[in-house]
């Protein structure tokens, strides 16, 4: 473990929230160029240890920050994020940059255009200085990749940052500026947020337009504070016609986060119904969060999970077949460049029947039905994010077994399939000071309410430990 940051470093520009940076720009306390240089200096110290970045572009970012500085000097910012440093996950296309999907088996072809989430950040004036790492095809909750170097967790370099938004999680915890954009199809922003101490929202499906769209796939903000996540949502949720699954434009006031838990009906879900055993430290953090809401006036009851062995195995079969569809199109030599874990896992999809695959896909609808029934009597659900506190950096997953790949996502994957919004927020720490996340889930489309509950929890949970600092050379 590393020593906490000193009191003097807490006010470093790279540690400031996006909300505070914007206020500082308005007050001319500092400029976007000054902020970027501080972030880049901090990255230079941390990056050799955590390897969170891909397509790092400091010079391009400097030009964008300079233009932003000139706009702020004229009091004419171009958008809500003008001058704020940001990173974007590898698999979200940015014009001119190849999209390797974390896999050495993918041909490197420069993207023709920004994908919708990247376009929204750029239009709002964010200073995108780098992309971030991910595991092969986004199909691991790990920082392990056949294309990127191994990404490590800043809280403990021997531990995994989680994934598939691995680099985004590590970058957020290390203080690579305030805003990081990830994607989530089974827990891929919430799991790294859990293991890195961050806030991450998996929004309702379609709330953030995305390209390419797919069942359960969303983009989501990864930040240190709820206010910054909401600020990102005010930009990311703007419409884009390229996503045929996106929701109609909605005039949500993302600043309206004040929400009292009083008289709300909250379910505490400690047993998802299947998967890895819940570790005691994680259980204690989730129970403590539920008790905090209860003390604030909520009615809390323990509720059963919505998953079963059959459902989880069905999802596994469906995703194996989908992954094998992609890998089977590659020549054997190219396919062999992917992580052996991924190839091993996907190859089983070739042996499944059409009925097996459809039955697996139909698990999605079973989850939707169970989630809808659950929320008939509840306003929100509180649960762990991960059943385990952490796992080794070099592993592909907590169990590291391609025959049992999804045992750790039973708390997170249901809400992708049901399309409910779910946020991960740091809830506490184990005895070694390692962060443990809590998940708050709401009804479909209640993204603002979920963020409001997370904001309330920020005030209920007590003081947080200092963010990790770089190891001394």
Protein backbone atom coordinates (compact mmCIF):
# COMPACT_ATOMS: atom_id res chain seq x y z
CA UNK A 1 0.00 0.00 0.00
CA UNK A 2 1.14 3.57 -0.58
CA UNK A 3 1.21 6.51 1.75
CA UNK A 4 -1.77 8.85 1.47
CA UNK A 5 -1.36 12.17 -0.25
CA UNK A 6 -0.12 15.00 1.91
CA UNK A 7 -2.43 17.79 3.05
CA UNK A 8 -0.65 20.15 0.67
CA UNK A 9 -1.37 17.93 -2.34
CA UNK A 10 -5.12 17.76 -1.70
CA UNK A 11 -5.56 21.14 -3.41
CA UNK A 12 -3.41 20.27 -6.43
CA UNK A 13 -5.12 21.16 -9.68
CA UNK A 14 -5.21 17.51 -10.81
CA UNK A 15 -7.18 16.64 -7.65
CA UNK A 16 -9.89 19.26 -8.13
CA UNK A 17 -13.34 18.19 -9.26
CA UNK A 18 -14.70 19.31 -12.62
CA UNK A 19 -17.21 21.48 -10.78
CA UNK A 20 -14.38 23.21 -8.91
CA UNK A 21 -12.28 23.56 -12.05
CA UNK A 22 -15.11 25.32 -13.88
CA UNK A 23 -15.58 27.66 -10.90
CA UNK A 24 -11.84 28.34 -10.90
CA UNK A 25 -11.84 29.12 -14.61
CA UNK A 26 -14.73 31.55 -14.14
CA UNK A 27 -12.94 33.26 -11.28
CA UNK A 28 -9.66 33.27 -13.24
CA UNK A 29 -7.85 31.51 -10.40
CA UNK A 30 -6.11 29.30 -12.95
CA UNK A 31 -6.40 28.46 -16.63
CA UNK A 32 -7.17 25.25 -18.55
CA UNK A 33 -3.56 25.21 -19.76
CA UNK A 34 -2.25 25.36 -16.19
CA UNK A 35 -4.60 22.57 -15.14
CA UNK A 36 -3.58 20.37 -18.04
CA UNK A 37 0.14 20.82 -17.31
CA UNK A 38 -0.44 19.82 -13.69
CA UNK A 39 -2.36 16.73 -14.79
CA UNK A 40 0.35 15.79 -17.31
CA UNK A 41 3.06 16.16 -14.65
CA UNK A 42 1.06 13.92 -12.31
CA UNK A 43 0.51 11.37 -15.09
CA UNK A 44 4.26 11.26 -15.75
CA UNK A 45 4.89 10.19 -12.15
CA UNK A 46 2.06 7.63 -11.92
CA UNK A 47 1.86 6.09 -15.39
CA UNK A 48 5.00 3.89 -15.27
CA UNK A 49 3.41 2.11 -12.30
CA UNK A 50 -0.25 1.70 -13.39
CA UNK A 51 -0.18 1.83 -17.22
CA UNK A 52 -3.72 3.20 -17.57
CA UNK A 53 -3.38 5.09 -20.86
CA UNK A 54 -3.64 4.37 -24.57
CA UNK A 55 -3.10 6.89 -27.41
CA UNK A 56 -1.75 9.48 -24.98
CA UNK A 57 -1.69 12.84 -26.81
CA UNK A 58 -0.25 15.61 -24.62
CA UNK A 59 0.59 17.94 -27.50
CA UNK A 60 -2.88 17.69 -29.05
CA UNK A 61 -4.38 18.32 -25.61
CA UNK A 62 -2.16 21.35 -25.09
CA UNK A 63 -3.56 22.93 -28.25
CA UNK A 64 -7.14 22.29 -27.10
CA UNK A 65 -6.38 23.65 -23.62
CA UNK A 66 -4.77 26.77 -25.10
CA UNK A 67 -7.90 27.48 -27.14
CA UNK A 68 -10.01 26.92 -24.04
CA UNK A 69 -7.82 29.30 -22.04
CA UNK A 70 -8.37 31.97 -24.67
CA UNK A 71 -12.15 31.45 -24.55
CA UNK A 72 -12.23 31.72 -20.76
CA UNK A 73 -10.10 34.89 -21.00
CA UNK A 74 -12.93 36.32 -23.11
CA UNK A 75 -15.59 34.84 -20.76
CA UNK A 76 -16.96 32.80 -23.68
CA UNK A 77 -16.70 29.10 -22.79
CA UNK A 78 -18.00 26.79 -25.51
CA UNK A 79 -19.73 24.33 -23.20
CA UNK A 80 -20.28 22.90 -19.73
CA UNK A 81 -16.90 21.14 -19.65
CA UNK A 82 -14.72 23.73 -21.34
CA UNK A 83 -11.11 23.23 -20.29
CA UNK A 84 -11.69 20.18 -18.06
CA UNK A 85 -9.28 17.26 -18.63
CA UNK A 86 -10.93 13.97 -19.62
CA UNK A 87 -10.07 10.47 -20.80
CA UNK A 88 -12.07 8.12 -23.03
CA UNK A 89 -12.02 4.32 -23.05
CA UNK A 90 -10.28 2.53 -25.93
CA UNK A 91 -13.56 1.13 -27.39
CA UNK A 92 -15.29 4.52 -27.73
CA UNK A 93 -14.18 5.76 -31.13
CA UNK A 94 -12.31 9.04 -31.42
CA UNK A 95 -11.60 10.39 -34.89
CA UNK A 96 -8.22 9.38 -36.29
CA UNK A 97 -7.35 6.93 -33.50
CA UNK A 98 -7.46 3.13 -33.98
CA UNK A 99 -9.90 1.19 -31.79
CA UNK A 100 -8.08 -2.01 -30.76
CA UNK A 101 -10.73 -3.13 -28.25
CA UNK A 102 -7.86 -4.17 -26.00
CA UNK A 103 -7.03 -7.09 -28.28
CA UNK A 104 -3.89 -7.77 -30.32
CA UNK A 105 -6.11 -9.71 -32.74
CA UNK A 106 -7.90 -6.54 -33.90
CA UNK A 107 -6.60 -4.68 -36.97
CA UNK A 108 -5.58 -1.10 -36.20
CA UNK A 109 -7.67 1.18 -38.41
CA UNK A 110 -8.08 4.88 -37.53
CA UNK A 111 -11.67 5.70 -36.59
CA UNK A 112 -13.50 7.79 -39.17
CA UNK A 113 -15.43 9.84 -36.62
CA UNK A 114 -16.05 10.38 -32.92
CA UNK A 115 -18.61 8.02 -31.42
CA UNK A 116 -21.55 9.87 -29.80
CA UNK A 117 -20.15 10.04 -26.22
CA UNK A 118 -16.77 11.27 -27.44
CA UNK A 119 -18.45 13.82 -29.70
CA UNK A 120 -20.51 15.18 -26.80
CA UNK A 121 -17.45 15.61 -24.58
CA UNK A 122 -15.52 17.35 -27.34
CA UNK A 123 -18.44 19.66 -28.19
CA UNK A 124 -18.67 20.63 -24.51
CA UNK A 125 -15.01 21.70 -24.52
CA UNK A 126 -13.45 18.84 -22.56
CA UNK A 127 -9.70 18.49 -23.02
CA UNK A 128 -9.33 14.86 -24.10
CA UNK A 129 -5.66 14.10 -23.46
CA UNK A 130 -5.72 10.31 -23.73
CA UNK A 131 -7.72 7.16 -24.17
CA UNK A 132 -7.64 4.42 -21.54
CA UNK A 133 -6.93 0.70 -21.52
CA UNK A 134 -9.31 -2.25 -21.51
CA UNK A 135 -9.08 -6.08 -21.69
CA UNK A 136 -9.69 -8.07 -24.87
CA UNK A 137 -13.05 -7.18 -26.43
CA UNK A 138 -14.23 -5.80 -23.10
CA UNK A 139 -15.15 -9.29 -21.97
CA UNK A 140 -13.13 -9.35 -18.73
CA UNK A 141 -13.45 -7.53 -15.41
CA UNK A 142 -9.70 -7.05 -15.44
CA UNK A 143 -6.78 -4.88 -16.48
CA UNK A 144 -5.27 -7.81 -18.39
CA UNK A 145 -5.01 -7.34 -22.16
CA UNK A 146 -3.21 -8.88 -25.13
CA UNK A 147 -2.76 -5.40 -26.65
CA UNK A 148 -2.26 -3.00 -23.73
CA UNK A 149 0.29 -3.41 -20.95
CA UNK A 150 -1.08 -4.76 -17.67
CA UNK A 151 -3.04 -2.03 -15.88
CA UNK A 152 -2.68 -1.97 -12.10
CA UNK A 153 -4.71 -0.53 -9.23
CA UNK A 154 -3.30 2.68 -7.66
CA UNK A 155 -4.57 1.67 -4.21
CA UNK A 156 -2.33 -1.40 -4.32
CA UNK A 157 -0.17 -2.14 -7.35
CA UNK A 158 -0.43 -5.88 -6.71
CA UNK A 159 -4.21 -5.69 -7.21
CA UNK A 160 -6.46 -5.47 -10.25
CA UNK A 161 -8.28 -2.23 -11.12
CA UNK A 162 -11.17 -4.28 -12.53
CA UNK A 163 -12.67 -3.87 -15.95
CA UNK A 164 -13.47 -3.70 -18.59
CA UNK A 165 -13.05 0.07 -18.04
CA UNK A 166 -9.72 -0.77 -16.41
CA UNK A 167 -7.64 2.23 -17.43
CA UNK A 168 -10.48 4.63 -16.65
CA UNK A 169 -10.77 3.24 -13.12
CA UNK A 170 -7.04 3.39 -12.50
CA UNK A 171 -6.77 6.88 -13.99
CA UNK A 172 -9.61 8.17 -11.84
CA UNK A 173 -8.12 6.81 -8.62
CA UNK A 174 -4.65 8.10 -9.50
CA UNK A 175 -5.89 11.63 -10.18
CA UNK A 176 -5.53 11.89 -13.95
CA UNK A 177 -8.00 14.77 -13.88
CA UNK A 178 -11.67 14.50 -12.85
CA UNK A 179 -13.55 13.02 -15.83
CA UNK A 180 -13.28 9.51 -17.25
CA UNK A 181 -15.63 7.81 -19.69
CA UNK A 182 -16.16 4.06 -19.69
CA UNK A 183 -18.63 1.51 -21.02
CA UNK A 184 -20.64 -1.17 -19.22
CA UNK A 185 -22.37 -4.32 -20.49
CA UNK A 186 -22.18 -6.44 -17.32
CA UNK A 187 -20.51 -4.23 -14.73
CA UNK A 188 -17.66 -2.65 -16.66
CA UNK A 189 -17.85 0.86 -15.16
CA UNK A 190 -19.20 -0.21 -11.75
CA UNK A 191 -16.69 -2.97 -10.99
CA UNK A 192 -13.57 -0.84 -11.59
CA UNK A 193 -15.28 2.02 -9.72
CA UNK A 194 -15.87 -0.37 -6.82
CA UNK A 195 -12.25 -1.55 -6.73
CA UNK A 196 -10.83 1.95 -7.36
CA UNK A 197 -13.01 3.96 -4.96
CA UNK A 198 -14.86 5.95 -7.64
CA UNK A 199 -18.41 6.93 -8.56
CA UNK A 200 -19.67 5.31 -11.76
CA UNK A 201 -23.14 5.45 -13.25
CA UNK A 202 -24.47 2.74 -15.53
CA UNK A 203 -27.39 4.73 -16.93
CA UNK A 204 -30.67 3.41 -18.25
CA UNK A 205 -30.15 1.84 -21.67
CA UNK A 206 -30.33 4.59 -24.27
CA UNK A 207 -29.87 7.49 -21.87
CA UNK A 208 -26.44 8.12 -23.39
CA UNK A 209 -26.46 7.54 -27.17
CA UNK A 210 -23.72 5.09 -28.13
CA UNK A 211 -22.34 3.57 -31.33
CA UNK A 212 -22.33 0.65 -31.84
CA UNK A 213 -25.39 -0.03 -29.65
CA UNK A 214 -26.10 -3.49 -28.28
CA UNK A 215 -28.25 -5.27 -25.71
CA UNK A 216 -27.36 -3.89 -22.29
CA UNK A 217 -24.40 -1.84 -23.55
CA UNK A 218 -24.07 1.68 -22.19
CA UNK A 219 -21.45 4.37 -21.75
CA UNK A 220 -21.11 5.92 -18.32
CA UNK A 221 -19.17 8.52 -16.33
CA UNK A 222 -16.43 7.51 -13.88
CA UNK A 223 -15.52 10.27 -11.45
CA UNK A 224 -14.52 10.89 -7.84
CA UNK A 225 -17.75 12.74 -6.93
CA UNK A 226 -21.44 12.43 -7.69
CA UNK A 227 -21.61 16.08 -8.79
CA UNK A 228 -19.01 15.41 -11.48
CA UNK A 229 -20.89 12.32 -12.69
CA UNK A 230 -24.05 14.43 -12.97
CA UNK A 231 -22.15 17.15 -14.83
CA UNK A 232 -20.91 14.57 -17.33
CA UNK A 233 -24.46 13.22 -17.73
CA UNK A 234 -25.73 16.70 -18.63
CA UNK A 235 -23.44 16.51 -21.66
CA UNK A 236 -23.41 12.79 -22.52
CA UNK A 237 -27.20 12.42 -22.49
CA UNK A 238 -27.71 14.82 -25.39
CA UNK A 239 -29.27 13.19 -28.47
CA UNK A 240 -27.48 11.51 -31.36
CA UNK A 241 -29.41 9.90 -34.21
CA UNK A 242 -26.73 7.26 -34.80
CA UNK A 243 -28.10 5.24 -31.87
CA UNK A 244 -31.44 3.71 -32.82
CA UNK A 245 -31.86 2.47 -29.24
CA UNK A 246 -31.43 5.88 -27.60
CA UNK A 247 -34.15 7.39 -25.45
CA UNK A 248 -36.06 10.49 -26.57
CA UNK A 249 -34.32 13.70 -25.50
CA UNK A 250 -35.31 14.57 -21.94
CA UNK A 251 -35.05 17.91 -20.13
CA UNK A 252 -33.53 16.40 -16.98
CA UNK A 253 -32.04 18.93 -14.59
CA UNK A 254 -28.88 17.04 -13.70
CA UNK A 255 -28.05 19.60 -11.00
CA UNK A 256 -31.20 18.72 -9.03
CA UNK A 257 -29.51 16.11 -6.85
CA UNK A 258 -31.04 17.01 -3.48
CA UNK A 259 -33.01 13.94 -2.46
CA UNK A 260 -34.16 12.87 0.99
CA UNK A 261 -34.25 9.13 1.73
CA UNK A 262 -37.15 9.76 4.13
CA UNK A 263 -40.08 7.37 3.55
CA UNK A 264 -38.40 5.75 0.53
CA UNK A 265 -38.71 1.97 0.22
CA UNK A 266 -35.26 0.44 -0.14
CA UNK A 267 -34.39 -3.21 -0.67
CA UNK A 268 -31.10 -4.58 0.64
CA UNK A 269 -29.90 -7.33 -1.69
CA UNK A 270 -27.09 -9.28 -0.07
CA UNK A 271 -27.66 -12.56 -1.95
CA UNK A 272 -27.93 -12.14 -5.73
CA UNK A 273 -29.06 -15.75 -6.06
CA UNK A 274 -25.93 -17.18 -7.64
CA UNK A 275 -22.20 -16.56 -7.94
CA UNK A 276 -19.20 -16.22 -5.68
CA UNK A 277 -19.67 -16.14 -1.92
CA UNK A 278 -19.96 -12.68 -0.42
CA UNK A 279 -16.86 -11.74 1.54
CA UNK A 280 -17.50 -10.46 5.07
CA UNK A 281 -15.85 -7.05 4.56
CA UNK A 282 -18.05 -6.39 1.53
CA UNK A 283 -21.18 -7.50 3.38
CA UNK A 284 -20.43 -5.19 6.29
CA UNK A 285 -20.02 -2.17 3.99
CA UNK A 286 -23.34 -2.86 2.22
CA UNK A 287 -25.20 -3.38 5.50
CA UNK A 288 -23.69 -0.19 6.93
CA UNK A 289 -24.90 1.74 3.86
CA UNK A 290 -28.42 0.35 4.28
CA UNK A 291 -28.43 1.27 7.96
CA UNK A 292 -27.33 4.81 7.10
CA UNK A 293 -30.32 5.21 4.78
CA UNK A 294 -32.58 3.67 7.42
CA UNK A 295 -31.33 6.15 10.00
CA UNK A 296 -32.14 8.92 7.50
CA UNK A 297 -35.78 7.79 7.39
CA UNK A 298 -35.94 5.14 4.67
CA UNK A 299 -37.80 1.86 5.13
CA UNK A 300 -35.24 -0.87 4.45
CA UNK A 301 -36.08 -4.54 3.94
CA UNK A 302 -33.85 -7.39 2.82
CA UNK A 303 -34.86 -8.73 -0.60
CA UNK A 304 -33.83 -11.78 -2.65
CA UNK A 305 -31.77 -11.52 -5.81
CA UNK A 306 -33.16 -11.79 -9.33
CA UNK A 307 -30.51 -14.17 -10.66
CA UNK A 308 -30.45 -17.97 -10.80
CA UNK A 309 -27.87 -20.53 -11.87
CA UNK A 310 -29.84 -21.13 -15.06
CA UNK A 311 -30.00 -17.43 -15.89
CA UNK A 312 -26.29 -16.78 -15.31
CA UNK A 313 -25.29 -19.87 -17.29
CA UNK A 314 -27.65 -18.78 -20.05
CA UNK A 315 -26.00 -15.38 -20.29
CA UNK A 316 -22.63 -17.13 -20.33
CA UNK A 317 -23.70 -19.33 -23.25
CA UNK A 318 -25.08 -16.38 -25.20
CA UNK A 319 -21.95 -14.27 -24.73
CA UNK A 320 -19.65 -17.18 -25.58
CA UNK A 321 -21.51 -17.66 -28.86
CA UNK A 322 -21.42 -13.94 -29.61
CA UNK A 323 -17.68 -13.78 -28.91
CA UNK A 324 -17.01 -16.87 -31.00
CA UNK A 325 -18.90 -15.27 -33.87
CA UNK A 326 -16.30 -12.50 -33.86
CA UNK A 327 -13.25 -14.71 -33.30
CA UNK A 328 -14.29 -17.38 -35.83
CA UNK A 329 -14.07 -14.78 -38.61
CA UNK A 330 -10.34 -14.35 -37.94
CA UNK A 331 -7.57 -16.46 -39.42
CA UNK A 332 -6.18 -18.87 -36.83
CA UNK A 333 -2.92 -16.89 -36.59
CA UNK A 334 -4.82 -13.66 -35.88
CA UNK A 335 -7.17 -15.35 -33.44
CA UNK A 336 -4.16 -16.71 -31.60
CA UNK A 337 -3.07 -13.18 -30.74
CA UNK A 338 -6.03 -12.73 -28.39
CA UNK A 339 -5.76 -13.67 -24.74
CA UNK A 340 -5.85 -17.47 -24.39
CA UNK A 341 -8.45 -17.03 -21.62
CA UNK A 342 -10.82 -15.28 -24.05
CA UNK A 343 -10.24 -17.79 -26.86
CA UNK A 344 -10.71 -20.71 -24.48
CA UNK A 345 -13.93 -19.20 -23.14
CA UNK A 346 -15.35 -18.33 -26.57
CA UNK A 347 -14.50 -21.65 -28.25
CA UNK A 348 -17.17 -23.38 -26.16
CA UNK A 349 -19.69 -21.23 -28.02
CA UNK A 350 -18.96 -23.20 -31.20
CA UNK A 351 -20.40 -26.32 -29.58
CA UNK A 352 -23.70 -24.74 -28.53
CA UNK A 353 -26.88 -25.41 -30.46
CA UNK A 354 -29.07 -22.64 -31.79
CA UNK A 355 -31.59 -23.50 -29.10
CA UNK A 356 -28.89 -23.23 -26.42
CA UNK A 357 -27.97 -19.75 -27.62
CA UNK A 358 -31.57 -18.54 -27.86
CA UNK A 359 -32.29 -19.95 -24.43
CA UNK A 360 -29.28 -18.03 -23.18
CA UNK A 361 -30.45 -14.81 -24.77
CA UNK A 362 -33.91 -15.30 -23.28
CA UNK A 363 -32.29 -15.10 -19.85
CA UNK A 364 -32.25 -11.36 -20.59
CA UNK A 365 -36.04 -11.29 -20.67
CA UNK A 366 -36.29 -13.38 -17.51
CA UNK A 367 -34.13 -10.82 -15.73
CA UNK A 368 -36.27 -7.96 -17.04
CA UNK A 369 -39.43 -9.61 -15.73
CA UNK A 370 -37.89 -10.30 -12.32
CA UNK A 371 -36.51 -6.76 -12.02
CA UNK A 372 -39.85 -5.19 -12.94
CA UNK A 373 -41.60 -7.29 -10.30
CA UNK A 374 -38.99 -6.36 -7.70
CA UNK A 375 -39.43 -2.64 -8.30
CA UNK A 376 -43.21 -2.79 -8.03
CA UNK A 377 -42.74 -2.49 -4.26
CA UNK A 378 -39.40 -0.71 -4.02
CA UNK A 379 -37.98 2.67 -4.93
CA UNK A 380 -34.31 1.63 -4.81
CA UNK A 381 -32.12 -1.40 -4.18
CA UNK A 382 -28.80 -1.34 -2.32
CA UNK A 383 -26.30 -4.14 -2.83
CA UNK A 384 -22.60 -4.90 -3.07
CA UNK A 385 -21.00 -4.25 -6.44
CA UNK A 386 -18.57 -7.16 -6.25
CA UNK A 387 -18.64 -10.14 -3.89
CA UNK A 388 -14.87 -9.83 -3.34
CA UNK A 389 -12.73 -6.99 -1.97
CA UNK A 390 -10.05 -7.39 -4.65
CA UNK A 391 -7.97 -9.86 -6.67
CA UNK A 392 -4.48 -10.10 -8.14
CA UNK A 393 -3.46 -7.75 -10.95
CA UNK A 394 -2.31 -10.56 -13.24
CA UNK A 395 -5.61 -12.48 -13.22
CA UNK A 396 -8.30 -12.34 -15.91
CA UNK A 397 -11.06 -12.49 -13.28
CA UNK A 398 -11.36 -13.18 -9.54
CA UNK A 399 -11.66 -16.95 -10.15
CA UNK A 400 -9.39 -16.82 -13.23
CA UNK A 401 -11.34 -19.75 -14.72
CA UNK A 402 -12.82 -19.44 -18.25
CA UNK A 403 -15.26 -22.22 -17.30
CA UNK A 404 -16.66 -19.93 -14.58
CA UNK A 405 -16.26 -16.43 -15.98
CA UNK A 406 -19.29 -14.62 -14.58
CA UNK A 407 -19.40 -15.68 -10.93
CA UNK A 408 -18.38 -12.19 -9.80
CA UNK A 409 -20.92 -10.17 -11.83
CA UNK A 410 -24.16 -11.47 -10.34
CA UNK A 411 -24.74 -8.14 -8.56
CA UNK A 412 -24.09 -6.00 -11.63
CA UNK A 413 -25.15 -7.80 -14.83
CA UNK A 414 -28.90 -7.99 -14.06
CA UNK A 415 -29.27 -4.22 -14.35
CA UNK A 416 -27.70 -4.13 -17.82
CA UNK A 417 -30.18 -6.74 -19.02
CA UNK A 418 -33.15 -5.07 -17.28
CA UNK A 419 -32.01 -1.58 -18.37
CA UNK A 420 -32.25 -0.11 -14.85
CA UNK A 421 -29.86 2.68 -13.83
CA UNK A 422 -27.28 1.63 -11.25
CA UNK A 423 -24.48 3.56 -9.59
CA UNK A 424 -21.37 2.34 -7.80
CA UNK A 425 -20.09 4.58 -5.03
CA UNK A 426 -17.38 4.00 -2.49
CA UNK A 427 -18.92 2.75 0.74
CA UNK A 428 -15.92 2.00 2.93
CA UNK A 429 -12.64 0.14 3.18
CA UNK A 430 -11.20 -3.16 4.32
CA UNK A 431 -8.65 -3.37 7.15
CA UNK A 432 -5.86 -2.57 4.68
CA UNK A 433 -7.56 0.59 3.46
CA UNK A 434 -8.69 -0.89 0.13
CA UNK A 435 -11.96 0.64 -1.18
CA UNK A 436 -15.24 -1.30 -1.28
CA UNK A 437 -18.10 -0.09 -3.44
CA UNK A 438 -21.84 -0.02 -2.79
CA UNK A 439 -24.39 -0.25 -5.62
CA UNK A 440 -27.62 1.75 -5.70
CA UNK A 441 -30.18 0.66 -8.32
CA UNK A 442 -33.35 2.48 -9.36
CA UNK A 443 -36.35 1.97 -11.58
CA UNK A 444 -35.86 2.24 -15.32
CA UNK A 445 -35.26 5.83 -16.43
CA UNK A 446 -34.76 7.11 -12.83
CA UNK A 447 -31.14 8.03 -13.52
CA UNK A 448 -31.47 11.34 -11.71
CA UNK A 449 -32.97 9.64 -8.66
CA UNK A 450 -30.12 7.13 -8.51
CA UNK A 451 -27.58 9.95 -8.62
CA UNK A 452 -29.62 11.79 -5.97
CA UNK A 453 -29.43 8.75 -3.69
CA UNK A 454 -25.69 8.52 -4.30
CA UNK A 455 -25.36 12.21 -3.44
CA UNK A 456 -27.30 11.63 -0.22
CA UNK A 457 -25.00 8.72 0.60
CA UNK A 458 -21.94 10.92 0.12
CA UNK A 459 -23.23 12.91 3.07
CA UNK A 460 -24.15 9.85 5.14
CA UNK A 461 -21.08 7.63 4.78
CA UNK A 462 -18.57 9.76 6.69
CA UNK A 463 -15.07 10.95 5.77
CA UNK A 464 -13.15 9.21 3.02
CA UNK A 465 -9.52 8.16 3.09
CA UNK A 466 -7.06 10.25 1.05
CA UNK A 467 -6.53 9.14 -2.53
CA UNK A 468 -3.40 7.07 -3.17
CA UNK A 469 -0.13 8.77 -4.05
CA UNK A 470 2.55 7.53 -6.46
CA UNK A 471 5.17 5.18 -5.05
CA UNK A 472 8.48 6.83 -4.38
CA UNK A 473 11.15 6.13 -6.94
